[in-house]
N, C-alpha and C. Protein backbone atom coordinates (compact mmCIF):
# COMPACT_ATOMS: atom_id res chain seq x y z
N MET A 1 -6.57 -33.20 -37.36
CA MET A 1 -6.84 -32.74 -36.68
C MET A 1 -7.45 -32.19 -35.97
N LYS A 2 -8.18 -33.21 -34.93
CA LYS A 2 -8.63 -33.01 -33.68
C LYS A 2 -7.45 -33.11 -32.74
N LYS A 3 -5.74 -33.50 -32.47
CA LYS A 3 -5.12 -33.26 -32.18
C LYS A 3 -4.46 -32.03 -31.93
N TYR A 4 -4.68 -30.76 -33.55
CA TYR A 4 -4.10 -30.39 -33.96
C TYR A 4 -5.42 -29.06 -32.86
N PHE A 5 -6.21 -28.97 -32.03
CA PHE A 5 -7.12 -27.74 -32.05
C PHE A 5 -7.11 -28.26 -31.09
N LEU A 6 -7.38 -29.68 -30.20
CA LEU A 6 -6.79 -29.81 -29.08
C LEU A 6 -5.36 -28.95 -28.83
N PHE A 7 -4.07 -29.27 -29.23
CA PHE A 7 -3.21 -28.87 -28.57
C PHE A 7 -3.38 -27.06 -28.95
N ILE A 8 -3.64 -26.34 -30.06
CA ILE A 8 -5.07 -25.09 -30.07
C ILE A 8 -5.19 -24.18 -28.83
N TRP A 9 -5.91 -24.89 -28.27
CA TRP A 9 -6.86 -24.54 -27.02
C TRP A 9 -6.54 -25.23 -26.07
N LEU A 10 -5.34 -25.65 -25.51
CA LEU A 10 -4.29 -26.30 -24.49
C LEU A 10 -3.98 -24.58 -24.68
N ALA A 11 -2.97 -24.42 -25.72
CA ALA A 11 -1.89 -23.22 -25.17
C ALA A 11 -3.07 -22.09 -24.99
N PHE A 12 -4.21 -22.01 -25.36
CA PHE A 12 -4.85 -20.72 -25.34
C PHE A 12 -5.04 -20.56 -24.08
N GLU A 13 -5.54 -22.06 -23.31
CA GLU A 13 -5.52 -21.49 -21.85
C GLU A 13 -4.60 -22.07 -20.87
N MET A 14 -3.57 -22.14 -21.11
CA MET A 14 -1.94 -21.93 -20.83
C MET A 14 -1.92 -20.43 -20.46
N PHE A 15 -2.31 -19.55 -21.92
CA PHE A 15 -2.01 -17.84 -22.36
C PHE A 15 -2.71 -17.79 -21.20
N ALA A 16 -4.02 -17.76 -21.25
CA ALA A 16 -5.12 -17.34 -20.55
C ALA A 16 -4.85 -17.81 -18.65
N LYS A 17 -4.62 -18.71 -18.68
CA LYS A 17 -4.43 -18.80 -16.98
C LYS A 17 -3.03 -17.87 -16.75
N GLY A 18 -1.73 -17.47 -17.39
CA GLY A 18 -0.69 -17.40 -16.99
C GLY A 18 -1.18 -15.56 -17.06
N TYR A 19 -1.81 -14.99 -18.26
CA TYR A 19 -2.44 -13.54 -18.58
C TYR A 19 -2.42 -13.23 -17.21
N GLY A 20 -3.45 -14.65 -16.70
CA GLY A 20 -4.48 -13.89 -16.13
C GLY A 20 -4.39 -13.60 -14.57
N GLN A 21 -3.00 -13.86 -14.51
CA GLN A 21 -2.30 -13.75 -12.55
C GLN A 21 -1.37 -12.64 -13.37
N ASN A 22 -1.28 -12.10 -14.00
CA ASN A 22 -0.81 -11.11 -14.19
C ASN A 22 -1.18 -10.05 -14.99
N VAL A 23 -2.52 -9.98 -14.36
CA VAL A 23 -3.49 -8.43 -14.98
C VAL A 23 -3.45 -7.83 -13.73
N LYS A 24 -2.93 -6.43 -13.87
CA LYS A 24 -2.83 -5.55 -12.72
C LYS A 24 -4.06 -4.99 -12.30
N LYS A 25 -3.61 -5.05 -10.78
CA LYS A 25 -5.24 -3.62 -10.41
C LYS A 25 -4.80 -2.50 -10.02
N ASN A 26 -4.79 -1.41 -9.91
CA ASN A 26 -4.40 -0.14 -9.89
C ASN A 26 -5.36 0.30 -8.60
N LEU A 27 -4.89 0.54 -7.34
CA LEU A 27 -5.30 1.31 -7.17
C LEU A 27 -5.07 3.01 -6.77
N ASP A 28 -5.67 3.69 -6.37
CA ASP A 28 -5.94 5.05 -6.83
C ASP A 28 -5.47 5.23 -5.03
N LEU A 29 -4.08 5.86 -4.61
CA LEU A 29 -3.72 5.81 -3.63
C LEU A 29 -2.97 7.35 -3.64
N ILE A 30 -2.35 8.42 -3.03
CA ILE A 30 -1.33 9.25 -3.00
C ILE A 30 -1.16 9.14 -1.65
N ILE A 31 0.32 9.12 -1.66
CA ILE A 31 1.02 9.11 -0.49
C ILE A 31 1.48 10.43 -0.62
N VAL A 32 1.55 10.93 0.35
CA VAL A 32 2.42 12.15 1.00
C VAL A 32 2.67 12.00 2.66
N ILE A 33 3.81 12.84 2.46
CA ILE A 33 4.57 12.50 3.51
C ILE A 33 5.43 14.00 4.12
N ASP A 34 5.69 14.45 5.16
CA ASP A 34 5.59 15.73 5.71
C ASP A 34 4.94 16.76 4.88
N GLU A 35 3.92 16.50 3.77
CA GLU A 35 3.19 17.32 3.53
C GLU A 35 3.38 17.96 1.78
N ASN A 36 4.41 16.41 1.74
CA ASN A 36 5.47 16.28 0.15
C ASN A 36 4.47 15.23 -0.07
N ILE A 37 4.48 15.58 -1.80
CA ILE A 37 3.86 14.42 -2.17
C ILE A 37 4.68 13.17 -2.70
N VAL A 38 4.94 12.29 -2.54
CA VAL A 38 5.83 11.11 -2.63
C VAL A 38 5.83 10.63 -4.41
N VAL A 39 7.39 11.29 -4.33
CA VAL A 39 7.37 11.16 -6.01
C VAL A 39 8.44 11.10 -6.12
N GLY A 40 9.02 9.16 -6.43
CA GLY A 40 10.17 8.70 -6.57
C GLY A 40 11.10 7.95 -5.59
N THR A 41 10.87 8.61 -4.80
CA THR A 41 11.51 7.64 -3.01
C THR A 41 10.80 6.74 -2.28
N ILE A 42 10.42 6.47 -2.93
CA ILE A 42 9.76 5.52 -1.78
C ILE A 42 10.68 3.59 -2.55
N ALA A 43 10.80 2.94 -1.94
CA ALA A 43 10.93 1.25 -2.68
C ALA A 43 10.30 0.61 -1.50
N SER A 44 10.33 -1.13 -1.91
CA SER A 44 10.58 -1.57 -1.16
C SER A 44 8.91 -2.42 -0.83
N VAL A 45 7.39 -1.67 -1.73
CA VAL A 45 6.54 -1.65 -0.89
C VAL A 45 6.02 -2.69 -1.29
N GLN A 46 5.13 -3.17 0.52
CA GLN A 46 4.85 -4.44 0.24
C GLN A 46 3.22 -4.38 0.84
N ILE A 47 2.63 -5.39 0.56
CA ILE A 47 1.34 -5.72 1.56
C ILE A 47 1.77 -6.53 2.42
N GLU A 48 1.32 -6.33 4.14
CA GLU A 48 1.35 -8.05 4.20
C GLU A 48 -0.27 -8.22 4.78
N LEU A 49 -0.52 -9.15 4.55
CA LEU A 49 -2.09 -9.37 4.38
C LEU A 49 -2.25 -10.88 5.76
N LYS A 50 -2.66 -10.61 6.98
CA LYS A 50 -2.17 -11.68 7.81
C LYS A 50 -3.91 -12.57 7.95
N TYR A 51 -4.09 -13.67 8.25
CA TYR A 51 -5.09 -14.72 8.24
C TYR A 51 -5.12 -14.91 9.11
N GLU A 52 -6.04 -15.87 10.00
CA GLU A 52 -6.88 -16.50 11.28
C GLU A 52 -4.71 -16.69 11.10
N ARG A 53 -4.17 -17.93 10.85
CA ARG A 53 -3.22 -18.57 11.10
C ARG A 53 -1.94 -18.38 10.21
N SER A 54 -1.84 -17.50 9.46
CA SER A 54 -0.67 -16.80 8.62
C SER A 54 -0.76 -15.84 7.94
N LYS A 55 0.11 -15.43 7.45
CA LYS A 55 0.41 -14.19 7.26
C LYS A 55 0.99 -14.59 5.55
N GLU A 56 0.52 -13.55 5.21
CA GLU A 56 1.09 -13.50 3.61
C GLU A 56 2.12 -12.15 2.93
N ILE A 57 3.52 -12.30 2.54
CA ILE A 57 3.91 -10.94 1.78
C ILE A 57 3.25 -10.63 0.14
N ILE A 58 2.95 -9.69 0.24
CA ILE A 58 2.61 -9.03 -1.78
C ILE A 58 3.55 -8.28 -1.85
N ASP A 59 3.96 -7.92 -2.84
CA ASP A 59 4.57 -7.27 -3.33
C ASP A 59 3.53 -5.81 -4.13
N ALA A 60 4.54 -4.59 -4.40
CA ALA A 60 3.48 -3.80 -5.17
C ALA A 60 4.17 -3.15 -5.77
N SER A 61 3.57 -1.94 -6.70
CA SER A 61 4.62 -1.07 -7.36
C SER A 61 3.33 0.17 -6.71
N TYR A 62 4.26 1.58 -6.73
CA TYR A 62 3.90 2.82 -6.75
C TYR A 62 4.53 3.73 -6.96
N TYR A 63 3.19 4.60 -8.04
CA TYR A 63 3.51 6.23 -8.57
C TYR A 63 2.64 7.25 -7.63
N PRO A 64 2.91 7.89 -8.22
CA PRO A 64 1.88 8.76 -7.88
C PRO A 64 0.46 8.09 -7.91
N GLY A 65 -0.50 8.65 -6.78
CA GLY A 65 -1.52 8.15 -7.85
C GLY A 65 -2.17 6.85 -7.99
N ASN A 66 -1.24 6.01 -7.81
CA ASN A 66 -1.61 4.66 -8.28
C ASN A 66 -0.28 3.28 -7.43
N LEU A 67 -1.04 2.75 -6.74
CA LEU A 67 -0.96 1.49 -6.09
C LEU A 67 -1.33 0.35 -6.92
N SER A 68 -0.67 -0.49 -7.64
CA SER A 68 -0.60 -1.64 -8.32
C SER A 68 -0.09 -3.05 -7.89
N ILE A 69 -0.74 -3.70 -7.83
CA ILE A 69 -0.79 -5.54 -6.94
C ILE A 69 -1.73 -6.24 -8.22
N THR A 70 -1.43 -7.73 -8.38
CA THR A 70 -1.84 -8.44 -9.28
C THR A 70 -3.45 -8.49 -9.30
N GLU A 71 -4.27 -9.20 -10.10
CA GLU A 71 -5.73 -8.91 -9.19
C GLU A 71 -6.39 -10.26 -8.53
N ASN A 72 -5.36 -11.05 -8.88
CA ASN A 72 -5.63 -12.73 -7.81
C ASN A 72 -5.06 -12.47 -6.35
N ASN A 73 -3.77 -10.89 -6.41
CA ASN A 73 -3.53 -10.21 -4.53
C ASN A 73 -4.92 -9.29 -4.42
N TYR A 74 -5.45 -8.86 -5.01
CA TYR A 74 -6.04 -7.64 -5.16
C TYR A 74 -7.71 -8.39 -4.35
N ILE A 75 -7.63 -10.14 -4.58
CA ILE A 75 -9.55 -10.53 -3.96
C ILE A 75 -8.30 -11.00 -2.72
N LYS A 76 -7.33 -11.61 -3.14
CA LYS A 76 -6.73 -11.81 -1.55
C LYS A 76 -7.00 -10.46 -0.20
N LEU A 77 -6.56 -9.48 -0.97
CA LEU A 77 -6.97 -8.44 0.02
C LEU A 77 -8.45 -8.08 0.52
N ILE A 78 -9.07 -8.00 -0.45
CA ILE A 78 -10.76 -7.93 -0.05
C ILE A 78 -11.71 -8.40 0.62
N SER A 79 -10.79 -10.21 0.45
CA SER A 79 -11.57 -11.53 1.00
C SER A 79 -11.69 -10.69 2.80
N ASP A 80 -13.28 -11.67 2.69
CA ASP A 80 -13.05 -12.19 4.67
C ASP A 80 -12.17 -12.59 5.32
N SER A 81 -11.39 -12.74 4.44
CA SER A 81 -10.54 -15.02 5.77
C SER A 81 -9.34 -13.39 5.73
N THR A 82 -8.78 -12.51 5.05
CA THR A 82 -8.12 -11.70 4.98
C THR A 82 -8.81 -10.32 6.75
N LYS A 83 -7.66 -10.73 7.70
CA LYS A 83 -7.45 -9.88 9.42
C LYS A 83 -7.50 -9.02 9.21
N SER A 84 -6.19 -8.82 9.00
CA SER A 84 -5.71 -7.36 8.43
C SER A 84 -4.66 -7.18 7.30
N ILE A 85 -4.35 -6.00 7.40
CA ILE A 85 -3.62 -5.26 5.81
C ILE A 85 -2.66 -4.41 5.83
N LYS A 86 -1.47 -4.16 6.02
CA LYS A 86 -0.69 -3.74 6.48
C LYS A 86 0.29 -2.54 5.00
N LEU A 87 0.25 -2.06 5.39
CA LEU A 87 1.06 -1.62 3.43
C LEU A 87 2.41 -0.86 4.47
N ARG A 88 3.33 -1.64 2.88
CA ARG A 88 4.98 -0.76 4.23
C ARG A 88 5.52 -1.00 2.83
N PHE A 89 6.52 -0.18 3.21
CA PHE A 89 7.61 0.90 2.80
C PHE A 89 8.69 1.06 2.67
N ILE A 90 9.79 1.31 2.16
CA ILE A 90 10.91 2.36 2.53
C ILE A 90 10.93 3.74 1.74
N TYR A 91 11.13 4.91 2.55
CA TYR A 91 11.34 6.44 2.13
C TYR A 91 12.41 7.11 2.43
N TYR A 92 13.03 7.25 1.15
CA TYR A 92 14.17 7.85 1.31
C TYR A 92 14.08 8.96 1.07
N GLU A 93 14.42 9.84 1.91
CA GLU A 93 14.50 12.03 1.90
C GLU A 93 16.14 12.45 1.51
N TYR A 94 16.37 13.13 1.11
CA TYR A 94 17.48 13.96 0.57
C TYR A 94 17.54 15.36 0.59
N ALA A 95 18.62 15.58 1.39
CA ALA A 95 19.29 17.10 2.06
C ALA A 95 20.69 16.86 1.59
N GLY A 96 20.90 17.52 0.64
CA GLY A 96 22.05 18.00 -0.31
C GLY A 96 22.39 16.45 -1.32
N GLN A 97 23.59 16.19 -0.39
CA GLN A 97 24.75 15.23 -0.24
C GLN A 97 23.98 13.36 0.50
N ASP A 98 23.20 13.92 1.57
CA ASP A 98 23.18 12.93 2.45
C ASP A 98 21.67 12.65 2.37
N GLN A 99 21.47 11.46 2.68
CA GLN A 99 19.88 10.41 1.99
C GLN A 99 19.98 9.62 4.09
N THR A 100 18.67 10.04 3.65
CA THR A 100 18.32 9.15 5.17
C THR A 100 16.82 8.50 4.57
N THR A 101 16.98 7.15 5.12
CA THR A 101 15.68 6.08 5.22
C THR A 101 14.97 5.77 6.08
N TYR A 102 13.85 5.56 6.12
CA TYR A 102 12.68 5.58 6.83
C TYR A 102 11.88 4.07 6.27
N ASN A 103 11.48 3.64 7.52
CA ASN A 103 10.70 1.81 7.10
C ASN A 103 9.19 2.46 8.01
N TYR A 104 8.05 2.93 7.20
CA TYR A 104 6.96 2.83 7.06
C TYR A 104 5.88 1.43 6.89
N GLU A 105 4.72 1.43 8.31
CA GLU A 105 4.12 0.94 8.26
C GLU A 105 2.29 1.62 8.60
N ILE A 106 1.94 0.58 7.78
CA ILE A 106 0.30 1.77 7.48
C ILE A 106 -0.53 0.53 7.78
N GLU A 107 -1.80 0.82 8.90
CA GLU A 107 -2.70 -0.49 9.13
C GLU A 107 -3.57 0.64 7.77
N LEU A 108 -4.35 -0.26 7.18
CA LEU A 108 -5.06 -0.59 6.41
C LEU A 108 -6.27 -1.00 6.81
N ARG A 109 -7.78 -0.69 6.28
CA ARG A 109 -9.08 -1.45 6.10
C ARG A 109 -9.11 -1.71 5.09
N ARG A 110 -10.25 -2.64 4.94
CA ARG A 110 -10.50 -3.18 3.72
C ARG A 110 -11.41 -1.78 3.33
N GLU A 111 -12.83 -1.59 3.55
CA GLU A 111 -13.19 -0.40 3.39
C GLU A 111 -12.66 0.99 2.71
N TRP A 112 -11.38 1.02 3.03
CA TRP A 112 -10.69 1.55 2.48
C TRP A 112 -10.40 1.22 1.42
N ILE A 113 -9.96 0.72 1.19
CA ILE A 113 -8.73 0.06 -0.13
C ILE A 113 -10.39 0.00 -1.65
N GLU A 114 -11.03 -0.52 -0.70
CA GLU A 114 -12.67 -0.81 -2.30
C GLU A 114 -13.00 1.30 -2.07
N ASP A 115 -12.69 1.60 -1.19
CA ASP A 115 -13.29 2.65 -1.74
C ASP A 115 -12.73 3.15 -3.44
N TYR A 116 -12.51 4.70 -3.50
CA TYR A 116 -12.72 5.78 -5.22
C TYR A 116 -11.26 5.62 -5.25
N PHE A 117 -10.32 6.59 -4.18
CA PHE A 117 -9.09 7.05 -3.53
C PHE A 117 -9.16 7.28 -2.43
N ASN A 118 -7.38 7.12 -2.10
CA ASN A 118 -7.44 7.52 -1.04
C ASN A 118 -5.93 8.35 -0.48
N ILE A 119 -5.87 9.35 0.39
CA ILE A 119 -4.99 10.22 0.32
C ILE A 119 -4.25 9.49 1.66
N LEU A 120 -3.43 8.88 1.69
CA LEU A 120 -1.88 8.89 3.08
C LEU A 120 -1.32 9.97 3.61
N ARG A 121 -1.69 10.55 4.32
CA ARG A 121 -0.68 11.20 4.88
C ARG A 121 0.35 10.92 6.03
N VAL A 122 1.85 11.22 6.17
CA VAL A 122 2.18 10.42 6.97
C VAL A 122 3.00 11.69 7.51
N TYR A 123 3.22 11.74 8.65
CA TYR A 123 3.84 12.67 9.34
C TYR A 123 5.25 11.98 9.99
N ASN A 124 6.41 12.27 9.83
CA ASN A 124 7.73 12.47 10.85
C ASN A 124 7.67 12.90 11.90
N LEU A 125 7.34 12.01 13.37
CA LEU A 125 7.00 13.03 14.79
C LEU A 125 8.82 13.10 15.14
N LYS A 126 10.38 12.75 14.55
CA LYS A 126 11.48 13.14 15.00
C LYS A 126 11.58 14.58 14.35
N LYS A 127 10.66 15.25 13.32
CA LYS A 127 10.55 16.20 13.15
C LYS A 127 10.50 17.73 13.54
N GLN A 128 11.22 18.33 14.04
CA GLN A 128 10.73 19.34 14.96
C GLN A 128 9.07 20.34 15.31
N LYS A 129 8.34 20.55 13.55
CA LYS A 129 7.48 20.88 12.62
C LYS A 129 6.26 19.34 13.65
N TYR A 130 6.29 18.14 13.73
CA TYR A 130 5.62 17.54 14.20
C TYR A 130 5.68 17.07 15.38
N LYS A 131 7.45 17.53 16.19
CA LYS A 131 7.38 16.61 17.20
C LYS A 131 6.15 16.61 18.37
N GLY A 132 5.31 17.54 18.52
CA GLY A 132 4.53 18.09 19.75
C GLY A 132 3.38 18.05 19.57
N LYS A 133 3.06 17.94 17.64
CA LYS A 133 1.55 18.44 16.99
C LYS A 133 1.31 17.15 17.45
N TYR A 134 1.47 15.62 17.45
CA TYR A 134 0.61 14.56 16.65
C TYR A 134 1.37 13.48 17.49
N SER A 135 0.42 12.67 17.83
CA SER A 135 1.70 11.02 18.86
C SER A 135 1.61 10.49 17.90
N PRO A 136 2.01 9.16 18.10
CA PRO A 136 2.26 7.84 17.12
C PRO A 136 0.75 7.09 17.37
N ASN A 137 0.33 6.76 16.16
CA ASN A 137 -0.79 5.30 15.82
C ASN A 137 -0.45 4.74 17.00
N GLU A 138 0.55 4.16 16.77
CA GLU A 138 1.14 3.46 17.88
C GLU A 138 2.81 3.09 19.09
N VAL A 139 2.43 2.20 19.24
CA VAL A 139 3.77 2.53 20.45
C VAL A 139 5.15 2.22 19.87
N GLY A 140 6.49 3.03 20.51
CA GLY A 140 6.99 2.22 19.33
C GLY A 140 7.67 3.40 17.96
N LYS A 141 6.98 3.99 17.17
CA LYS A 141 7.02 4.26 16.55
C LYS A 141 7.43 5.80 15.88
N ASN A 142 7.93 5.72 15.16
CA ASN A 142 8.54 7.83 15.11
C ASN A 142 7.43 8.19 13.86
N TYR A 143 6.83 8.01 13.75
CA TYR A 143 5.80 8.46 12.94
C TYR A 143 4.15 8.65 13.45
N ALA A 144 3.56 9.41 12.60
CA ALA A 144 1.92 9.34 13.04
C ALA A 144 1.48 8.74 10.98
N TYR A 145 0.09 8.92 10.76
CA TYR A 145 -0.04 8.67 9.46
C TYR A 145 -2.10 9.20 9.59
N GLU A 146 -2.44 9.90 8.49
CA GLU A 146 -3.76 9.53 8.02
C GLU A 146 -4.22 9.71 7.69
N ILE A 147 -5.98 9.14 6.82
CA ILE A 147 -6.07 8.49 5.13
C ILE A 147 -6.95 9.19 5.78
N VAL A 148 -7.56 10.13 4.62
CA VAL A 148 -9.19 9.82 3.89
C VAL A 148 -9.36 9.72 2.95
N THR A 149 -10.20 8.80 2.12
CA THR A 149 -10.95 8.85 1.47
C THR A 149 -12.37 9.53 1.24
N PRO A 150 -13.09 9.07 0.00
CA PRO A 150 -14.58 9.87 -0.14
C PRO A 150 -15.64 9.93 0.84
N SER A 151 -15.39 8.17 1.63
CA SER A 151 -16.46 8.09 2.31
C SER A 151 -15.82 7.43 3.55
N HIS A 152 -14.61 7.64 3.97
CA HIS A 152 -14.21 7.12 6.03
C HIS A 152 -12.88 8.02 5.72
N SER A 153 -12.81 8.94 6.71
CA SER A 153 -11.12 9.04 7.19
C SER A 153 -11.29 8.49 8.29
N PHE A 154 -10.03 8.81 8.85
CA PHE A 154 -8.75 8.22 9.77
C PHE A 154 -7.85 9.23 10.09
N ARG A 155 -8.51 10.86 10.60
CA ARG A 155 -8.00 11.94 11.07
C ARG A 155 -7.19 11.46 12.27
N LEU A 156 -5.81 12.51 11.93
CA LEU A 156 -5.44 12.76 13.57
C LEU A 156 -5.81 14.12 14.18
N ILE A 157 -5.76 14.00 15.71
CA ILE A 157 -6.34 14.89 16.48
C ILE A 157 -4.96 15.86 17.06
N GLU A 158 -4.49 17.51 16.60
CA GLU A 158 -3.68 17.55 16.98
C GLU A 158 -3.76 17.50 18.41
N SER A 159 -2.52 17.53 18.94
CA SER A 159 -2.44 18.08 20.61
C SER A 159 -1.72 19.41 20.27
N LYS A 160 -2.13 19.64 21.81
CA LYS A 160 -2.44 21.34 22.11
C LYS A 160 -1.66 21.56 23.69
N ASN A 161 -0.20 22.02 23.22
CA ASN A 161 0.70 22.64 23.55
C ASN A 161 1.08 23.63 24.05
């Protein structure tokens, strides 16, 4: 009888540990690219975490208003040992039969992630509408971005031409 209870207890422990690793943490995030809310046109969503001497890539999923990662990865994301956080994804733009692909890499801050929600606005500087209006956040990039949260904002300054 003791073996039976021990077996049940071990099976429960294994199930609980496996289930715990798959529990999802949903972060409220809205991605807006060129003034349009992204709906089904992004793929390969990843978060790169850099530590003192190493880095780690975390897979994530996104649908409008929600960035989803595992609970364990969320703990790593907000850990003090994490030195930098980058959200990476591929954006697909369609014009008739033509498809254009853009790779975006957005620097995030821990305090933004811990906030209630985030609105990420990305502007493609190759497009005439934004070409002289904004400067890229990083040298060599063809896009600019800003993030708004309830308690923090990282806004772009428009160039005067």
